[in-house]
């Protein structure tokens, strides 16, 4: 497993407005995501309209890879972040970039099993 470079993280900060310190990015650069085994492929259905089930927007939408529901954003306080905290679901797929993220820890996961 490997995670995005700090340059990639800084570019993402510019696009999303989510600021992370150098120490936070360094902290996550060597972590193995412990939640990949919670992904339930049978709950995923991409035939639904890609709208956040909380805000009903189609902007910046992520799908929870555990339950299959769609949520907006991944920053603190966003519907996806709040879903992660309340449900214990941690693995989300960005519908815009196809990146897989671990919430609420806010790091991108790269693993061959996700291909």
Foldseek 3Di string as FASTA:
>chain_A
DFFDDVVVVVVVCVVPVADDDPVLVVVPGPDDDPCPVLFDQVQADPPDDQAAPPPRDNPQWKAQRNRHHIFHDQAPPGRVQVCCVVVVGFWIAGPVPRWIGGPPSGTTDDDPVSD
